Amino acid sequence: MAEKQATSLDPDTLSTVSQIFKAVSDPSRIRILYLLSQQECSVTEIANHLNLQQSAVSHQLSFLKKLRLVKSRRSGKTVFYSEEDEHVMNLVAQTIVHAQHGLADENRD
């Protein structure tokens, strides 16, 4: 088997990876991303589904939109949000499944 050569990450890639992990390190943002992976929602709908303040949801969506993790579209006066980055959504979904399996294993002990 051939040895793999060690490579370093360029600063831009490293910064992007760090920002993505920062985005998914916040419980509110995880909840928002998980909801948007299932359906498109307005700020009001997100706030109602997750029992969060609209201002907090707007703030988190702004952060996620800057990282291109969510996208928006306007319909009349309402802005709807949905997932934009399928890779990150898959990472979040896989991490949730991993956490749930770990909790199930702990409960069996």
N, C-alpha and C. Protein backbone atom coordinates (compact mmCIF):
# COMPACT_ATOMS: atom_id res chain seq x y z
N MET A 1 0.84 -1.18 0.00
CA MET A 1 0.00 0.00 0.00
C MET A 1 0.89 1.24 0.00
N ALA A 2 0.63 2.17 -0.88
CA ALA A 2 1.44 3.37 -0.99
C ALA A 2 1.16 4.31 0.17
N GLU A 3 2.22 4.96 0.63
CA GLU A 3 2.07 5.93 1.72
C GLU A 3 1.42 7.20 1.19
N LYS A 4 0.56 7.77 2.00
CA LYS A 4 -0.05 9.04 1.62
C LYS A 4 0.88 10.16 2.03
N GLN A 5 1.00 11.12 1.16
CA GLN A 5 1.83 12.28 1.47
C GLN A 5 1.00 13.27 2.30
N ALA A 6 1.62 13.78 3.33
CA ALA A 6 0.96 14.79 4.16
C ALA A 6 0.85 16.09 3.37
N THR A 7 -0.32 16.66 3.40
CA THR A 7 -0.52 17.95 2.73
C THR A 7 -1.04 18.93 3.76
N SER A 8 -0.75 20.17 3.53
CA SER A 8 -1.26 21.20 4.44
C SER A 8 -2.46 21.86 3.79
N LEU A 9 -3.30 22.40 4.63
CA LEU A 9 -4.48 23.10 4.14
C LEU A 9 -4.13 24.56 3.89
N ASP A 10 -4.65 25.08 2.79
CA ASP A 10 -4.40 26.49 2.53
C ASP A 10 -5.23 27.33 3.50
N PRO A 11 -4.80 28.54 3.79
CA PRO A 11 -5.48 29.38 4.79
C PRO A 11 -6.96 29.62 4.50
N ASP A 12 -7.34 29.78 3.23
CA ASP A 12 -8.75 30.02 2.91
C ASP A 12 -9.61 28.80 3.24
N THR A 13 -9.13 27.62 2.90
CA THR A 13 -9.86 26.39 3.20
C THR A 13 -9.99 26.22 4.71
N LEU A 14 -8.90 26.42 5.41
CA LEU A 14 -8.90 26.29 6.86
C LEU A 14 -9.88 27.26 7.51
N SER A 15 -9.92 28.47 7.02
CA SER A 15 -10.84 29.48 7.55
C SER A 15 -12.30 29.07 7.29
N THR A 16 -12.58 28.58 6.09
CA THR A 16 -13.94 28.16 5.76
C THR A 16 -14.38 26.99 6.63
N VAL A 17 -13.52 26.00 6.79
CA VAL A 17 -13.84 24.84 7.63
C VAL A 17 -14.12 25.30 9.06
N SER A 18 -13.29 26.20 9.56
CA SER A 18 -13.46 26.71 10.91
C SER A 18 -14.81 27.43 11.06
N GLN A 19 -15.18 28.24 10.08
CA GLN A 19 -16.46 28.96 10.12
C GLN A 19 -17.65 28.00 10.07
N ILE A 20 -17.54 26.93 9.28
CA ILE A 20 -18.62 25.95 9.20
C ILE A 20 -18.80 25.27 10.56
N PHE A 21 -17.69 24.86 11.17
CA PHE A 21 -17.80 24.22 12.48
C PHE A 21 -18.31 25.20 13.54
N LYS A 22 -17.95 26.47 13.41
CA LYS A 22 -18.49 27.48 14.32
C LYS A 22 -20.01 27.58 14.13
N ALA A 23 -20.45 27.53 12.89
CA ALA A 23 -21.88 27.63 12.60
C ALA A 23 -22.66 26.48 13.21
N VAL A 24 -22.10 25.28 13.15
CA VAL A 24 -22.84 24.12 13.67
C VAL A 24 -22.51 23.83 15.13
N SER A 25 -21.82 24.74 15.79
CA SER A 25 -21.52 24.55 17.21
C SER A 25 -22.58 25.17 18.11
N ASP A 26 -23.52 25.88 17.52
CA ASP A 26 -24.56 26.56 18.29
C ASP A 26 -25.87 25.76 18.22
N PRO A 27 -26.46 25.40 19.35
CA PRO A 27 -27.69 24.60 19.34
C PRO A 27 -28.84 25.22 18.53
N SER A 28 -29.01 26.53 18.62
CA SER A 28 -30.09 27.17 17.85
C SER A 28 -29.86 27.04 16.35
N ARG A 29 -28.62 27.23 15.93
CA ARG A 29 -28.33 27.10 14.50
C ARG A 29 -28.49 25.66 14.03
N ILE A 30 -28.13 24.70 14.87
CA ILE A 30 -28.33 23.29 14.51
C ILE A 30 -29.82 23.02 14.33
N ARG A 31 -30.63 23.51 15.23
CA ARG A 31 -32.08 23.31 15.14
C ARG A 31 -32.64 23.95 13.88
N ILE A 32 -32.17 25.15 13.55
CA ILE A 32 -32.62 25.84 12.34
C ILE A 32 -32.20 25.05 11.10
N LEU A 33 -30.94 24.65 11.05
CA LEU A 33 -30.46 23.88 9.89
C LEU A 33 -31.24 22.58 9.74
N TYR A 34 -31.49 21.90 10.84
CA TYR A 34 -32.22 20.63 10.78
C TYR A 34 -33.64 20.86 10.24
N LEU A 35 -34.31 21.89 10.73
CA LEU A 35 -35.65 22.21 10.25
C LEU A 35 -35.62 22.53 8.76
N LEU A 36 -34.67 23.36 8.34
CA LEU A 36 -34.60 23.75 6.93
C LEU A 36 -34.16 22.61 6.03
N SER A 37 -33.56 21.58 6.59
CA SER A 37 -33.22 20.41 5.77
C SER A 37 -34.48 19.61 5.45
N GLN A 38 -35.54 19.86 6.20
CA GLN A 38 -36.80 19.13 6.00
C GLN A 38 -37.83 19.93 5.22
N GLN A 39 -37.78 21.27 5.36
CA GLN A 39 -38.79 22.10 4.69
C GLN A 39 -38.33 23.54 4.61
N GLU A 40 -38.87 24.24 3.63
CA GLU A 40 -38.65 25.67 3.48
C GLU A 40 -39.55 26.39 4.49
N CYS A 41 -39.01 27.43 5.14
CA CYS A 41 -39.78 28.15 6.16
C CYS A 41 -39.49 29.64 6.13
N SER A 42 -40.45 30.42 6.59
CA SER A 42 -40.23 31.84 6.82
C SER A 42 -39.65 32.01 8.22
N VAL A 43 -39.20 33.21 8.53
CA VAL A 43 -38.66 33.49 9.87
C VAL A 43 -39.73 33.21 10.93
N THR A 44 -40.95 33.65 10.67
CA THR A 44 -42.04 33.42 11.62
C THR A 44 -42.28 31.93 11.84
N GLU A 45 -42.29 31.16 10.76
CA GLU A 45 -42.50 29.72 10.88
C GLU A 45 -41.38 29.06 11.68
N ILE A 46 -40.14 29.47 11.41
CA ILE A 46 -39.00 28.91 12.16
C ILE A 46 -39.14 29.24 13.64
N ALA A 47 -39.44 30.51 13.93
CA ALA A 47 -39.59 30.94 15.32
C ALA A 47 -40.68 30.14 16.02
N ASN A 48 -41.80 29.93 15.35
CA ASN A 48 -42.91 29.17 15.94
C ASN A 48 -42.56 27.70 16.13
N HIS A 49 -41.97 27.08 15.11
CA HIS A 49 -41.59 25.65 15.20
C HIS A 49 -40.60 25.40 16.33
N LEU A 50 -39.64 26.32 16.48
CA LEU A 50 -38.54 26.09 17.42
C LEU A 50 -38.70 26.84 18.74
N ASN A 51 -39.80 27.58 18.88
CA ASN A 51 -40.06 28.36 20.09
C ASN A 51 -38.90 29.31 20.39
N LEU A 52 -38.52 30.07 19.36
CA LEU A 52 -37.46 31.07 19.48
C LEU A 52 -38.02 32.44 19.13
N GLN A 53 -37.35 33.49 19.59
CA GLN A 53 -37.73 34.85 19.24
C GLN A 53 -37.40 35.11 17.76
N GLN A 54 -38.27 35.85 17.07
CA GLN A 54 -38.03 36.15 15.66
C GLN A 54 -36.71 36.88 15.45
N SER A 55 -36.37 37.78 16.36
CA SER A 55 -35.12 38.53 16.22
C SER A 55 -33.91 37.59 16.31
N ALA A 56 -33.99 36.60 17.19
CA ALA A 56 -32.90 35.63 17.32
C ALA A 56 -32.79 34.77 16.07
N VAL A 57 -33.93 34.36 15.52
CA VAL A 57 -33.94 33.57 14.29
C VAL A 57 -33.35 34.38 13.15
N SER A 58 -33.75 35.63 13.01
CA SER A 58 -33.22 36.49 11.95
C SER A 58 -31.71 36.63 12.06
N HIS A 59 -31.23 36.82 13.27
CA HIS A 59 -29.79 36.96 13.51
C HIS A 59 -29.06 35.69 13.09
N GLN A 60 -29.58 34.54 13.49
CA GLN A 60 -28.93 33.26 13.15
C GLN A 60 -28.99 33.01 11.64
N LEU A 61 -30.11 33.33 11.01
CA LEU A 61 -30.22 33.13 9.56
C LEU A 61 -29.24 34.01 8.80
N SER A 62 -29.04 35.22 9.28
CA SER A 62 -28.06 36.12 8.66
C SER A 62 -26.67 35.51 8.71
N PHE A 63 -26.31 34.96 9.86
CA PHE A 63 -25.01 34.30 10.03
C PHE A 63 -24.89 33.11 9.07
N LEU A 64 -25.92 32.28 9.02
CA LEU A 64 -25.91 31.08 8.16
C LEU A 64 -25.91 31.44 6.68
N LYS A 65 -26.58 32.54 6.34
CA LYS A 65 -26.64 32.97 4.94
C LYS A 65 -25.28 33.48 4.47
N LYS A 66 -24.57 34.19 5.34
CA LYS A 66 -23.23 34.68 4.99
C LYS A 66 -22.29 33.53 4.66
N LEU A 67 -22.49 32.40 5.32
CA LEU A 67 -21.67 31.22 5.07
C LEU A 67 -22.21 30.36 3.93
N ARG A 68 -23.31 30.81 3.33
CA ARG A 68 -23.97 30.10 2.23
C ARG A 68 -24.45 28.71 2.64
N LEU A 69 -24.89 28.60 3.88
CA LEU A 69 -25.46 27.35 4.36
C LEU A 69 -26.97 27.32 4.15
N VAL A 70 -27.58 28.51 4.09
CA VAL A 70 -29.00 28.64 3.77
C VAL A 70 -29.16 29.69 2.67
N LYS A 71 -30.27 29.59 1.96
CA LYS A 71 -30.58 30.57 0.92
C LYS A 71 -31.99 31.08 1.17
N SER A 72 -32.31 32.19 0.54
CA SER A 72 -33.63 32.78 0.73
C SER A 72 -34.26 33.11 -0.61
N ARG A 73 -35.59 33.19 -0.58
CA ARG A 73 -36.35 33.66 -1.73
C ARG A 73 -37.53 34.46 -1.20
N ARG A 74 -37.88 35.48 -1.94
CA ARG A 74 -38.97 36.36 -1.52
C ARG A 74 -40.24 35.99 -2.28
N SER A 75 -41.34 35.95 -1.53
CA SER A 75 -42.66 35.76 -2.12
C SER A 75 -43.56 36.83 -1.52
N GLY A 76 -43.81 37.88 -2.29
CA GLY A 76 -44.54 39.03 -1.75
C GLY A 76 -43.70 39.70 -0.69
N LYS A 77 -44.25 39.83 0.51
CA LYS A 77 -43.51 40.45 1.61
C LYS A 77 -42.79 39.42 2.49
N THR A 78 -42.99 38.15 2.20
CA THR A 78 -42.43 37.10 3.04
C THR A 78 -41.16 36.54 2.42
N VAL A 79 -40.15 36.35 3.26
CA VAL A 79 -38.89 35.72 2.83
C VAL A 79 -38.88 34.30 3.36
N PHE A 80 -38.63 33.35 2.46
CA PHE A 80 -38.56 31.94 2.82
C PHE A 80 -37.11 31.48 2.76
N TYR A 81 -36.74 30.64 3.71
CA TYR A 81 -35.38 30.12 3.80
C TYR A 81 -35.39 28.61 3.58
N SER A 82 -34.30 28.14 2.98
CA SER A 82 -34.12 26.70 2.76
C SER A 82 -32.64 26.39 2.78
N GLU A 83 -32.33 25.10 2.76
CA GLU A 83 -30.93 24.68 2.78
C GLU A 83 -30.25 25.09 1.48
N GLU A 84 -28.97 25.42 1.57
CA GLU A 84 -28.20 25.71 0.37
C GLU A 84 -27.05 24.73 0.20
N ASP A 85 -26.41 24.36 1.30
CA ASP A 85 -25.23 23.50 1.22
C ASP A 85 -25.57 22.09 1.68
N GLU A 86 -25.79 21.21 0.72
CA GLU A 86 -26.18 19.83 1.03
C GLU A 86 -25.10 19.10 1.81
N HIS A 87 -23.83 19.42 1.56
CA HIS A 87 -22.73 18.76 2.29
C HIS A 87 -22.83 19.02 3.79
N VAL A 88 -23.04 20.26 4.14
CA VAL A 88 -23.13 20.61 5.57
C VAL A 88 -24.40 20.03 6.18
N MET A 89 -25.49 20.04 5.42
CA MET A 89 -26.73 19.44 5.92
C MET A 89 -26.53 17.95 6.18
N ASN A 90 -25.81 17.27 5.30
CA ASN A 90 -25.51 15.85 5.52
C ASN A 90 -24.65 15.65 6.76
N LEU A 91 -23.68 16.55 6.96
CA LEU A 91 -22.83 16.49 8.15
C LEU A 91 -23.67 16.63 9.42
N VAL A 92 -24.58 17.60 9.41
CA VAL A 92 -25.46 17.81 10.57
C VAL A 92 -26.33 16.58 10.80
N ALA A 93 -26.94 16.06 9.75
CA ALA A 93 -27.81 14.88 9.87
C ALA A 93 -27.04 13.67 10.39
N GLN A 94 -25.85 13.44 9.86
CA GLN A 94 -25.04 12.31 10.30
C GLN A 94 -24.60 12.47 11.76
N THR A 95 -24.30 13.69 12.15
CA THR A 95 -23.89 13.94 13.53
C THR A 95 -25.06 13.72 14.49
N ILE A 96 -26.25 14.11 14.07
CA ILE A 96 -27.45 13.87 14.89
C ILE A 96 -27.67 12.37 15.07
N VAL A 97 -27.59 11.62 13.98
CA VAL A 97 -27.75 10.16 14.06
C VAL A 97 -26.68 9.55 14.97
N HIS A 98 -25.46 10.02 14.82
CA HIS A 98 -24.36 9.54 15.66
C HIS A 98 -24.65 9.80 17.15
N ALA A 99 -25.11 11.00 17.45
CA ALA A 99 -25.42 11.36 18.84
C ALA A 99 -26.58 10.51 19.37
N GLN A 100 -27.60 10.29 18.55
CA GLN A 100 -28.74 9.49 18.98
C GLN A 100 -28.33 8.04 19.23
N HIS A 101 -27.45 7.50 18.41
CA HIS A 101 -26.96 6.13 18.62
C HIS A 101 -26.16 6.05 19.92
N GLY A 102 -25.34 7.07 20.17
CA GLY A 102 -24.56 7.10 21.41
C GLY A 102 -25.46 7.15 22.63
N LEU A 103 -26.52 7.94 22.55
CA LEU A 103 -27.46 8.03 23.67
C LEU A 103 -28.21 6.72 23.86
N ALA A 104 -28.57 6.07 22.76
CA ALA A 104 -29.26 4.77 22.85
C ALA A 104 -28.35 3.74 23.50
N ASP A 105 -27.08 3.75 23.14
CA ASP A 105 -26.12 2.82 23.73
C ASP A 105 -25.96 3.07 25.23
N GLU A 106 -25.91 4.34 25.62
CA GLU A 106 -25.78 4.68 27.04
C GLU A 106 -26.99 4.22 27.83
N ASN A 107 -28.17 4.34 27.24
CA ASN A 107 -29.41 3.96 27.93
C ASN A 107 -29.54 2.44 28.10
N ARG A 108 -28.81 1.67 27.29
CA ARG A 108 -28.85 0.22 27.42
C ARG A 108 -27.97 -0.27 28.56
N ASP A 109 -27.01 0.54 28.96
CA ASP A 109 -26.08 0.11 30.03
C ASP A 109 -26.70 0.12 31.39
